[in-house]
């Protein structure tokens, strides 16, 4: 069985005390809710890593061990072996191991809305995206919003949290508008793809991963839990993430994956400094459900470790984008450099020339015919170059130059030499075919240029349509928790926009206001 996270944290701190002063970090942090000050020493060399069991209370530990006894018995393990793995008595195993999971009672404090099939151990992977400069890439480019604090309601759904004056309480961190938008942060996009592949994450809860910013040590996130699994990447200054009240210091590029464990980000700083003097940190959060391959992590809460690459990993490794630049350079400088130059002189990009040569078995004439005939027009190469106005201008200039060259060759024909006339006639037939292809290509390029304006108008129309759908979706509510818990609902459902209605209050007759 995995080591208890609480034991691993204690061992790491004890080991850090024996490390040299230079590599030891003395951190001051405040416990969530109580505000009690804690001092913990960390050292990168002794940071916990790997798979750990964690529980938010003795009740959860008791309930999980009961269910684990049943799961291990189904795996064919004997009573004494299960007792040893769980650290329990054989009498405990005897009580539960032959029961069905639904027959096992929940101890006090184990909430009904936390489904056992969503439980899993915690996995800490150090240095998953270390040293990529992602914090500096993301923070200046993202549009940061201040959300309102919310938490899970015991009856299901989520509810807003308020201060003593009844005002919505701002959350201790900021989030990026629209989350992690693909294409905006190239380094983070590649790392996110790696994460999804290596952790086999398929059934994501959010349309886009969450992106949170903690500008300094005073920014925090109160302890909470989710009805889903979480994969969290941390970038920037080291920051404590509490898992079931155990402090885990996440450094730049660290990854942690956990289930429904209670977690939070406390206020922290280095001993002797102020909270607002501590460095900033961002976290990228993926919520996903225990389905498909990753569901193995919940049977019974074993962290996922694949010995062989998944099919997604193999596909990613075969992706042409990974080796595209090297292949392109090889064609431009190798044995096919003349063919490449011939096509690029016509105004086509190196990517288009490469695709055309590959599709024709490196026949330069056939590749030119394909390109001039518009076979790769309209974005079939998915390079974005064909649709750019700069590329269109270059192609149009090259095509008109080629037309002038063809006309000049036709005018140079001599009618005195009959043999030469017959040869030129055959060439002229070919030239006429090439002229037709060039004229057709010019027409297509002009139509593409005209469609750019139309596409912009369509994008604006679709954006307005999306806003209308968002406003309609904002009114859809299942009655659980607070309707206005999400910012996008508050943006679309103002009181001034609602239909008039009558409110009735009971038991308030003696109040003056």
Protein backbone atom coordinates (compact mmCIF):
# COMPACT_ATOMS: atom_id res chain seq x y z
CA UNK A 1 0.00 0.00 0.00
CA UNK A 2 1.20 3.60 -0.59
CA UNK A 3 2.82 5.48 2.25
CA UNK A 4 0.63 7.88 4.21
CA UNK A 5 1.11 11.44 2.98
CA UNK A 6 1.25 12.67 6.57
CA UNK A 7 4.19 10.31 7.30
CA UNK A 8 5.99 11.38 4.12
CA UNK A 9 5.62 15.08 5.02
CA UNK A 10 7.00 14.50 8.51
CA UNK A 11 9.95 12.50 7.17
CA UNK A 12 10.72 15.17 4.55
CA UNK A 13 10.75 17.93 7.17
CA UNK A 14 12.95 15.88 9.52
CA UNK A 15 15.40 15.22 6.66
CA UNK A 16 15.36 18.90 5.65
CA UNK A 17 16.56 19.84 9.13
CA UNK A 18 19.76 17.86 8.52
CA UNK A 19 20.46 19.54 5.19
CA UNK A 20 22.77 22.51 4.86
CA UNK A 21 21.49 26.02 5.54
CA UNK A 22 21.94 26.99 1.90
CA UNK A 23 19.39 24.48 0.54
CA UNK A 24 16.92 24.67 3.44
CA UNK A 25 13.81 26.88 3.23
CA UNK A 26 12.06 28.01 6.39
CA UNK A 27 8.48 28.88 5.44
CA UNK A 28 5.83 30.64 7.52
CA UNK A 29 2.21 29.88 6.56
CA UNK A 30 -1.29 30.30 7.99
CA UNK A 31 -3.69 27.40 8.37
CA UNK A 32 -6.97 27.85 6.55
CA UNK A 33 -9.99 28.82 8.67
CA UNK A 34 -8.08 28.97 12.00
CA UNK A 35 -5.37 31.41 10.84
CA UNK A 36 -2.91 29.59 13.09
CA UNK A 37 0.70 30.36 12.16
CA UNK A 38 2.87 27.39 11.21
CA UNK A 39 6.59 27.17 10.49
CA UNK A 40 7.76 24.35 8.21
CA UNK A 41 11.19 23.63 6.78
CA UNK A 42 11.52 22.31 3.23
CA UNK A 43 14.41 21.14 1.07
CA UNK A 44 14.12 20.31 -2.62
CA UNK A 45 16.29 17.22 -2.17
CA UNK A 46 13.89 15.76 0.42
CA UNK A 47 10.55 16.84 -1.11
CA UNK A 48 8.00 13.96 -1.12
CA UNK A 49 7.46 12.44 -4.55
CA UNK A 50 5.51 9.42 -5.76
CA UNK A 51 2.21 7.94 -4.60
CA UNK A 52 0.67 8.60 -1.18
CA UNK A 53 -2.47 7.76 0.71
CA UNK A 54 -4.24 10.70 2.36
CA UNK A 55 -7.45 11.12 4.35
CA UNK A 56 -9.17 14.24 5.63
CA UNK A 57 -10.45 12.54 8.79
CA UNK A 58 -10.41 9.31 10.75
CA UNK A 59 -13.88 8.56 9.39
CA UNK A 60 -12.65 8.70 5.81
CA UNK A 61 -9.70 6.44 6.69
CA UNK A 62 -12.04 3.94 8.34
CA UNK A 63 -14.46 3.92 5.40
CA UNK A 64 -11.73 3.64 2.78
CA UNK A 65 -10.09 0.73 4.60
CA UNK A 66 -13.41 -1.11 4.74
CA UNK A 67 -13.85 -0.72 0.98
CA UNK A 68 -10.19 -1.53 0.33
CA UNK A 69 -10.56 -4.80 2.22
CA UNK A 70 -13.40 -5.76 -0.14
CA UNK A 71 -11.43 -4.72 -3.26
CA UNK A 72 -8.28 -6.58 -2.16
CA UNK A 73 -10.32 -9.70 -1.42
CA UNK A 74 -11.67 -9.57 -4.98
CA UNK A 75 -8.05 -9.42 -6.15
CA UNK A 76 -7.55 -12.84 -4.53
CA UNK A 77 -5.59 -11.80 -1.47
CA UNK A 78 -5.87 -13.71 1.81
CA UNK A 79 -7.23 -12.30 5.07
CA UNK A 80 -3.84 -12.02 6.78
CA UNK A 81 -2.29 -10.43 3.68
CA UNK A 82 -5.04 -7.80 3.52
CA UNK A 83 -4.63 -7.07 7.23
CA UNK A 84 -0.91 -6.51 6.71
CA UNK A 85 -1.46 -4.23 3.69
CA UNK A 86 -4.06 -2.13 5.51
CA UNK A 87 -2.29 -2.10 8.86
CA UNK A 88 -5.47 -3.46 10.43
CA UNK A 89 -6.34 -6.49 12.53
CA UNK A 90 -7.61 -9.71 10.98
CA UNK A 91 -10.83 -9.13 12.94
CA UNK A 92 -11.32 -5.86 11.02
CA UNK A 93 -10.79 -7.64 7.70
CA UNK A 94 -13.13 -10.47 8.75
CA UNK A 95 -15.89 -7.95 9.40
CA UNK A 96 -15.83 -6.33 5.97
CA UNK A 97 -14.04 -8.34 3.30
CA UNK A 98 -17.00 -10.50 2.20
CA UNK A 99 -19.56 -7.69 2.07
CA UNK A 100 -20.75 -5.75 -0.96
CA UNK A 101 -19.62 -2.10 -1.06
CA UNK A 102 -23.23 -0.89 -0.79
CA UNK A 103 -23.59 -2.77 2.51
CA UNK A 104 -20.75 -0.86 4.14
CA UNK A 105 -22.05 1.98 6.38
CA UNK A 106 -20.49 5.42 6.20
CA UNK A 107 -18.92 6.65 9.44
CA UNK A 108 -19.95 10.06 10.76
CA UNK A 109 -18.53 12.93 8.70
CA UNK A 110 -18.25 10.99 5.42
CA UNK A 111 -20.47 12.97 3.05
CA UNK A 112 -22.93 11.21 0.77
CA UNK A 113 -22.05 13.39 -2.25
CA UNK A 114 -18.43 12.11 -2.26
CA UNK A 115 -18.68 8.92 -4.25
CA UNK A 116 -16.18 6.16 -3.32
CA UNK A 117 -15.49 5.47 -6.99
CA UNK A 118 -14.05 9.00 -7.17
CA UNK A 119 -11.45 8.35 -4.47
CA UNK A 120 -7.84 7.85 -5.38
CA UNK A 121 -4.39 8.27 -3.88
CA UNK A 122 -2.27 11.38 -4.38
CA UNK A 123 0.56 11.30 -6.93
CA UNK A 124 3.34 13.92 -6.89
CA UNK A 125 5.54 14.23 -9.99
CA UNK A 126 8.42 16.63 -9.49
CA UNK A 127 9.87 18.74 -12.32
CA UNK A 128 7.23 17.76 -14.90
CA UNK A 129 7.53 21.19 -16.57
CA UNK A 130 10.49 22.69 -14.76
CA UNK A 131 12.50 25.60 -16.15
CA UNK A 132 10.28 26.36 -19.18
CA UNK A 133 9.58 29.98 -18.22
CA UNK A 134 5.83 29.38 -18.30
CA UNK A 135 5.04 31.82 -15.46
CA UNK A 136 6.68 34.68 -17.36
CA UNK A 137 4.94 33.59 -20.58
CA UNK A 138 1.43 33.44 -19.11
CA UNK A 139 1.07 36.26 -16.56
CA UNK A 140 1.60 39.27 -18.90
CA UNK A 141 -0.61 37.86 -21.69
CA UNK A 142 -3.63 36.60 -19.75
CA UNK A 143 -6.64 38.73 -18.83
CA UNK A 144 -7.07 38.22 -15.07
CA UNK A 145 -10.43 38.42 -13.30
CA UNK A 146 -11.31 38.52 -9.59
CA UNK A 147 -13.89 35.73 -8.93
CA UNK A 148 -16.21 35.45 -5.94
CA UNK A 149 -15.60 32.73 -3.36
CA UNK A 150 -17.83 29.65 -3.45
CA UNK A 151 -17.92 26.14 -2.02
CA UNK A 152 -19.77 22.84 -2.30
CA UNK A 153 -23.26 22.72 -0.80
CA UNK A 154 -24.08 19.60 1.22
CA UNK A 155 -27.29 19.14 -0.80
CA UNK A 156 -25.30 19.26 -4.04
CA UNK A 157 -24.19 22.07 -6.33
CA UNK A 158 -22.24 25.09 -5.13
CA UNK A 159 -23.06 28.12 -3.01
CA UNK A 160 -21.58 31.61 -2.82
CA UNK A 161 -19.73 32.72 0.30
CA UNK A 162 -20.41 36.04 2.02
CA UNK A 163 -18.68 38.25 4.59
CA UNK A 164 -20.26 39.42 7.85
CA UNK A 165 -21.95 42.35 6.10
CA UNK A 166 -23.63 40.01 3.62
CA UNK A 167 -21.47 40.97 0.66
CA UNK A 168 -20.07 38.37 -1.71
CA UNK A 169 -16.53 37.60 -0.61
CA UNK A 170 -13.82 37.84 -3.29
CA UNK A 171 -11.72 34.76 -3.83
CA UNK A 172 -8.11 34.94 -2.65
CA UNK A 173 -6.69 34.43 -6.15
CA UNK A 174 -7.44 35.54 -9.70
CA UNK A 175 -8.37 33.47 -12.72
CA UNK A 176 -7.74 33.96 -16.42
CA UNK A 177 -10.74 34.85 -18.55
CA UNK A 178 -11.70 31.81 -20.68
CA UNK A 179 -9.10 29.65 -18.89
CA UNK A 180 -6.26 28.07 -20.84
CA UNK A 181 -7.06 29.17 -24.39
CA UNK A 182 -5.32 26.95 -27.01
CA UNK A 183 -2.73 28.71 -29.14
CA UNK A 184 -2.15 31.61 -26.77
CA UNK A 185 0.67 30.10 -24.71
CA UNK A 186 2.73 27.76 -26.95
CA UNK A 187 4.99 26.37 -24.20
CA UNK A 188 2.07 25.64 -21.93
CA UNK A 189 0.09 24.11 -24.81
CA UNK A 190 2.84 21.56 -25.45
CA UNK A 191 3.12 20.72 -21.76
CA UNK A 192 -0.66 20.37 -21.45
CA UNK A 193 -0.65 17.92 -24.38
CA UNK A 194 2.07 15.92 -22.65
CA UNK A 195 0.07 15.86 -19.42
CA UNK A 196 -3.15 14.70 -21.07
CA UNK A 197 -1.28 11.91 -22.87
CA UNK A 198 0.84 10.64 -20.00
CA UNK A 199 -2.03 10.72 -17.50
CA UNK A 200 -4.54 9.36 -20.07
CA UNK A 201 -7.03 12.12 -19.27
CA UNK A 202 -10.07 11.74 -21.51
CA UNK A 203 -13.25 12.86 -19.76
CA UNK A 204 -12.52 16.46 -18.79
CA UNK A 205 -15.11 18.36 -16.73
CA UNK A 206 -14.31 21.87 -18.00
CA UNK A 207 -14.25 22.94 -21.64
CA UNK A 208 -10.86 24.50 -20.94
CA UNK A 209 -8.43 23.97 -18.06
CA UNK A 210 -8.54 26.54 -15.28
CA UNK A 211 -5.72 29.07 -14.97
CA UNK A 212 -5.24 30.66 -11.51
CA UNK A 213 -2.82 33.40 -10.43
CA UNK A 214 -1.51 34.04 -6.93
CA UNK A 215 0.30 37.41 -7.33
CA UNK A 216 2.08 37.21 -3.96
CA UNK A 217 2.09 35.37 -0.65
CA UNK A 218 -1.11 37.04 0.58
CA UNK A 219 -3.19 35.41 -2.18
CA UNK A 220 -4.77 32.15 -1.08
CA UNK A 221 -7.44 29.53 -1.71
CA UNK A 222 -9.41 28.27 1.26
CA UNK A 223 -9.62 24.52 1.77
CA UNK A 224 -12.23 22.84 -0.43
CA UNK A 225 -12.79 19.67 -2.42
CA UNK A 226 -14.17 18.76 -5.85
CA UNK A 227 -16.51 16.03 -7.07
CA UNK A 228 -13.92 15.07 -9.66
CA UNK A 229 -10.23 14.30 -9.98
CA UNK A 230 -7.67 17.07 -10.29
CA UNK A 231 -4.35 17.34 -12.15
CA UNK A 232 -2.60 20.53 -11.08
CA UNK A 233 0.54 22.10 -12.56
CA UNK A 234 2.35 24.78 -10.55
CA UNK A 235 4.68 27.47 -12.02
CA UNK A 236 6.61 30.35 -10.54
CA UNK A 237 7.59 30.72 -6.88
CA UNK A 238 7.31 27.60 -4.68
CA UNK A 239 3.93 27.48 -2.99
CA UNK A 240 2.33 25.23 -0.37
CA UNK A 241 -0.69 23.16 -1.38
CA UNK A 242 -2.32 21.50 1.61
CA UNK A 243 -3.73 18.03 0.92
CA UNK A 244 -5.94 16.92 3.83
CA UNK A 245 -4.13 19.54 5.97
CA UNK A 246 -0.65 18.22 5.03
CA UNK A 247 1.66 20.92 3.54
CA UNK A 248 3.16 19.92 0.18
CA UNK A 249 5.51 22.52 -1.31
CA UNK A 250 5.03 22.61 -5.09
CA UNK A 251 7.93 24.11 -7.02
CA UNK A 252 8.15 25.47 -10.56
CA UNK A 253 6.91 22.81 -12.99
CA UNK A 254 5.70 20.30 -10.37
CA UNK A 255 2.58 18.21 -11.07
CA UNK A 256 0.20 16.76 -8.48
CA UNK A 257 -2.78 14.51 -9.22
CA UNK A 258 -5.41 13.75 -6.58
CA UNK A 259 -9.05 12.79 -6.12
CA UNK A 260 -11.64 14.27 -3.77
CA UNK A 261 -9.14 15.15 -1.04
CA UNK A 262 -9.65 18.46 0.75
CA UNK A 263 -7.02 20.92 -0.46
CA UNK A 264 -6.15 24.61 -0.30
CA UNK A 265 -3.40 27.20 -0.82
CA UNK A 266 -2.58 29.03 2.44
CA UNK A 267 -1.00 32.45 2.79
CA UNK A 268 2.76 32.02 3.07
CA UNK A 269 6.14 33.71 2.95
CA UNK A 270 9.72 33.03 3.85
CA UNK A 271 10.46 33.41 7.52
CA UNK A 272 11.31 37.03 8.27
CA UNK A 273 9.52 38.51 5.23
CA UNK A 274 6.04 39.94 4.59
CA UNK A 275 3.33 38.14 2.61
CA UNK A 276 3.31 40.76 -0.15
CA UNK A 277 7.09 40.39 -0.60
CA UNK A 278 6.79 36.76 -1.68
CA UNK A 279 6.89 35.84 -5.38
CA UNK A 280 3.91 35.05 -7.60
CA UNK A 281 2.69 31.67 -8.74
CA UNK A 282 0.17 30.31 -11.26
CA UNK A 283 -1.56 26.95 -11.32
CA UNK A 284 -3.09 25.17 -14.30
CA UNK A 285 -5.96 22.96 -13.17
CA UNK A 286 -7.48 20.05 -15.10
CA UNK A 287 -10.67 18.53 -13.66
CA UNK A 288 -11.51 15.09 -15.01
CA UNK A 289 -13.72 12.11 -14.25
CA UNK A 290 -12.48 8.60 -13.35
CA UNK A 291 -13.58 6.96 -16.59
CA UNK A 292 -11.76 4.97 -19.23
CA UNK A 293 -8.13 4.06 -18.66
CA UNK A 294 -7.61 6.47 -15.77
CA UNK A 295 -10.40 4.76 -13.79
CA UNK A 296 -7.85 2.11 -12.83
CA UNK A 297 -6.55 4.65 -10.32
CA UNK A 298 -9.67 4.10 -8.22
CA UNK A 299 -9.45 0.31 -7.98
CA UNK A 300 -8.68 0.49 -5.11
CA UNK A 301 -7.14 3.99 -5.31
CA UNK A 302 -3.92 2.93 -7.00
CA UNK A 303 -2.11 5.78 -8.73
CA UNK A 304 -1.76 5.31 -12.49
CA UNK A 305 1.53 4.17 -13.94
CA UNK A 306 1.65 2.88 -17.52
CA UNK A 307 4.70 0.84 -18.48
CA UNK A 308 4.14 1.39 -22.20
CA UNK A 309 3.09 4.54 -24.03
CA UNK A 310 -0.63 4.81 -24.63
CA UNK A 311 -2.06 5.00 -28.12
CA UNK A 312 -2.29 8.75 -27.70
CA UNK A 313 1.37 8.93 -26.79
CA UNK A 314 2.33 6.90 -29.85
CA UNK A 315 0.19 9.14 -32.04
CA UNK A 316 1.77 12.23 -30.56
CA UNK A 317 5.25 10.89 -31.22
CA UNK A 318 4.26 10.24 -34.84
CA UNK A 319 2.87 13.74 -35.21
CA UNK A 320 4.51 15.41 -38.16
CA UNK A 321 4.82 18.65 -36.24
CA UNK A 322 7.43 17.12 -33.96
CA UNK A 323 9.85 16.39 -36.82
CA UNK A 324 8.59 18.87 -39.39
CA UNK A 325 11.34 21.52 -39.12
CA UNK A 326 14.14 18.95 -39.49
CA UNK A 327 12.45 17.32 -42.50
CA UNK A 328 11.90 20.70 -44.14
CA UNK A 329 15.54 21.69 -43.68
CA UNK A 330 16.64 18.35 -45.16
CA UNK A 331 14.59 18.93 -48.31
CA UNK A 332 15.86 22.49 -48.73
CA UNK A 333 19.53 21.53 -48.44
CA UNK A 334 19.56 17.93 -49.67
CA UNK A 335 19.18 16.12 -52.96
CA UNK A 336 15.75 17.66 -53.63
CA UNK A 337 16.85 21.25 -53.07
CA UNK A 338 16.55 22.10 -56.80
CA UNK A 339 12.93 20.89 -56.92
CA UNK A 340 12.15 22.81 -53.75
CA UNK A 341 13.72 25.98 -55.18
CA UNK A 342 11.75 25.59 -58.41
CA UNK A 343 8.45 25.54 -56.50
CA UNK A 344 9.30 28.26 -54.02
CA UNK A 345 10.36 30.52 -56.91
CA UNK A 346 6.76 30.32 -58.08
CA UNK A 347 5.73 31.99 -54.82
CA UNK A 348 4.65 28.93 -52.83
CA UNK A 349 5.79 28.42 -49.26
CA UNK A 350 8.32 25.75 -48.30
CA UNK A 351 5.58 23.84 -46.45
CA UNK A 352 3.35 23.83 -49.55
CA UNK A 353 6.23 22.76 -51.77
CA UNK A 354 7.10 19.94 -49.35
CA UNK A 355 3.51 18.65 -49.27
CA UNK A 356 3.19 18.81 -53.06
CA UNK A 357 6.50 16.99 -53.64
CA UNK A 358 5.59 14.25 -51.18
CA UNK A 359 2.16 13.73 -52.72
CA UNK A 360 3.66 13.37 -56.24
CA UNK A 361 6.63 11.17 -55.38
CA UNK A 362 9.00 14.17 -55.67
CA UNK A 363 8.07 14.84 -59.31
CA UNK A 364 8.71 18.59 -59.61
CA UNK A 365 6.54 19.09 -62.73
CA UNK A 366 3.61 17.20 -61.24
CA UNK A 367 4.02 19.08 -57.94
CA UNK A 368 3.99 22.41 -59.79
CA UNK A 369 0.86 21.36 -61.66
CA UNK A 370 -0.83 20.46 -58.38
CA UNK A 371 0.07 23.75 -56.76
CA UNK A 372 -0.84 25.88 -59.78
CA UNK A 373 -4.09 23.98 -60.11
CA UNK A 374 -5.06 24.97 -56.58
CA UNK A 375 -4.92 21.46 -55.11
CA UNK A 376 -3.49 22.87 -51.85
CA UNK A 377 -5.44 26.10 -51.78
CA UNK A 378 -7.88 26.98 -49.04
CA UNK A 379 -5.86 25.66 -46.12
CA UNK A 380 -5.60 21.94 -46.97
CA UNK A 381 -2.02 22.07 -45.71
CA UNK A 382 -3.21 23.61 -42.46
CA UNK A 383 -0.17 25.89 -42.36
CA UNK A 384 -2.03 29.18 -42.35
CA UNK A 385 0.33 30.58 -45.00
CA UNK A 386 -2.06 30.18 -47.92
CA UNK A 387 -4.69 32.28 -46.20
CA UNK A 388 -2.34 35.10 -45.30
CA UNK A 389 -2.45 38.24 -47.38
CA UNK A 390 1.36 38.36 -47.53
CA UNK A 391 1.54 34.88 -49.06
CA UNK A 392 -1.24 35.71 -51.54
CA UNK A 393 0.62 38.83 -52.68
CA UNK A 394 3.84 36.88 -53.25
CA UNK A 395 2.01 34.17 -55.18
CA UNK A 396 0.11 36.64 -57.36
CA UNK A 397 3.35 38.47 -58.23
CA UNK A 398 5.11 35.20 -59.11
CA UNK A 399 2.18 33.95 -61.19
CA UNK A 400 1.99 37.17 -63.23
CA UNK A 401 5.76 36.98 -63.79
CA UNK A 402 5.32 33.43 -65.05
CA UNK A 403 2.55 34.59 -67.43
CA UNK A 404 4.85 37.25 -68.90
CA UNK A 405 7.56 34.62 -69.36
CA UNK A 406 5.13 32.36 -71.27
CA UNK A 407 4.01 35.20 -73.53
CA UNK A 408 7.64 36.12 -74.27
CA UNK A 409 8.42 32.51 -75.25
CA UNK A 410 5.43 32.42 -77.61
CA UNK A 411 6.48 35.67 -79.34
CA UNK A 412 10.02 34.33 -79.89
CA UNK A 413 8.76 31.56 -82.20
CA UNK A 414 10.27 31.69 -85.77
CA UNK A 415 7.97 30.61 -88.61
CA UNK A 416 10.89 30.18 -91.10
CA UNK A 417 12.01 26.88 -89.66
CA UNK A 418 9.15 24.39 -90.02
CA UNK A 419 10.73 21.86 -87.65
CA UNK A 420 11.16 24.50 -85.02
CA UNK A 421 7.58 25.65 -85.60
CA UNK A 422 6.22 22.14 -85.03
CA UNK A 423 8.27 21.77 -81.82
CA UNK A 424 7.13 25.15 -80.56
CA UNK A 425 3.55 24.29 -81.44
CA UNK A 426 3.74 21.28 -79.16
CA UNK A 427 5.28 23.43 -76.45
CA UNK A 428 2.62 26.08 -77.02
CA UNK A 429 -0.11 23.57 -76.36
CA UNK A 430 1.59 22.84 -73.03
CA UNK A 431 2.07 26.55 -72.39
CA UNK A 432 -1.61 27.21 -73.00
CA UNK A 433 -2.46 24.53 -70.45
CA UNK A 434 -0.09 26.12 -67.95
CA UNK A 435 -1.57 29.56 -68.68
CA UNK A 436 -5.04 28.23 -67.96
CA UNK A 437 -3.82 26.73 -64.67
CA UNK A 438 -2.15 30.02 -63.69
CA UNK A 439 -5.27 32.04 -64.54
CA UNK A 440 -7.40 29.62 -62.52
CA UNK A 441 -5.00 29.93 -59.58
CA UNK A 442 -5.12 33.75 -59.82
CA UNK A 443 -8.91 33.64 -59.77
CA UNK A 444 -8.90 31.42 -56.68
CA UNK A 445 -6.44 33.70 -54.89
CA UNK A 446 -8.66 36.70 -55.63
CA UNK A 447 -11.71 34.86 -54.30
CA UNK A 448 -9.77 33.95 -51.15
CA UNK A 449 -8.90 37.60 -50.61
CA UNK A 450 -12.54 38.58 -51.02
CA UNK A 451 -13.62 35.88 -48.56
CA UNK A 452 -11.42 37.27 -45.76
CA UNK A 453 -13.87 40.12 -45.19
CA UNK A 454 -16.79 37.68 -45.34
CA UNK A 455 -15.12 35.40 -42.77
CA UNK A 456 -14.57 38.34 -40.41
CA UNK A 457 -18.26 39.23 -40.68
CA UNK A 458 -19.16 35.61 -40.01
CA UNK A 459 -16.91 35.52 -36.94
CA UNK A 460 -18.61 38.62 -35.55
CA UNK A 461 -22.01 37.12 -36.27
CA UNK A 462 -21.11 33.86 -34.53
CA UNK A 463 -19.67 35.77 -31.54
CA UNK A 464 -22.97 37.60 -31.14
CA UNK A 465 -24.79 34.27 -31.47
CA UNK A 466 -22.58 32.73 -28.76
CA UNK A 467 -23.37 35.64 -26.43
CA UNK A 468 -27.06 35.06 -27.01
CA UNK A 469 -26.69 31.34 -26.23
CA UNK A 470 -24.71 32.14 -23.07
CA UNK A 471 -27.48 34.44 -21.89
CA UNK A 472 -30.03 31.67 -22.51
CA UNK A 473 -27.89 29.02 -20.80
CA UNK A 474 -27.42 31.28 -17.76
CA UNK A 475 -31.08 30.80 -16.85
CA UNK A 476 -30.82 26.99 -16.87
CA UNK A 477 -30.48 25.81 -13.26
CA UNK A 478 -31.10 22.47 -11.55
CA UNK A 479 -32.10 24.11 -8.26
CA UNK A 480 -29.02 22.95 -6.33
CA UNK A 481 -26.80 25.46 -4.57
CA UNK A 482 -26.83 29.13 -5.64
CA UNK A 483 -27.95 30.18 -9.11
CA UNK A 484 -25.50 33.10 -9.21
CA UNK A 485 -22.44 31.15 -8.08
CA UNK A 486 -20.70 31.44 -11.46
CA UNK A 487 -19.36 34.72 -12.86
CA UNK A 488 -20.77 34.11 -16.36
CA UNK A 489 -24.27 33.86 -14.86
CA UNK A 490 -23.81 37.08 -12.91
CA UNK A 491 -22.70 38.75 -16.17
CA UNK A 492 -25.94 37.77 -17.95
CA UNK A 493 -28.54 37.77 -15.17
CA UNK A 494 -28.80 41.28 -13.73
CA UNK A 495 -31.87 42.28 -11.72
CA UNK A 496 -32.70 45.02 -14.23
CA UNK A 497 -33.05 42.39 -16.96
CA UNK A 498 -35.39 40.07 -15.05
CA UNK A 499 -39.19 39.92 -15.26
CA UNK A 500 -41.11 41.45 -12.32
CA UNK A 501 -42.06 39.02 -9.56
CA UNK A 502 -43.51 39.01 -6.04
CA UNK A 503 -41.46 37.84 -3.04
CA UNK A 504 -43.03 36.55 0.16
CA UNK A 505 -41.19 36.55 3.51
CA UNK A 506 -42.37 34.62 6.58
CA UNK A 507 -41.60 35.53 10.17
CA UNK A 508 -40.39 39.05 9.42
CA UNK A 509 -43.44 41.04 10.55
CA UNK A 510 -41.81 42.41 13.69
CA UNK A 511 -38.74 43.74 11.86
CA UNK A 512 -38.58 47.48 11.20
CA UNK A 513 -36.80 47.08 7.87
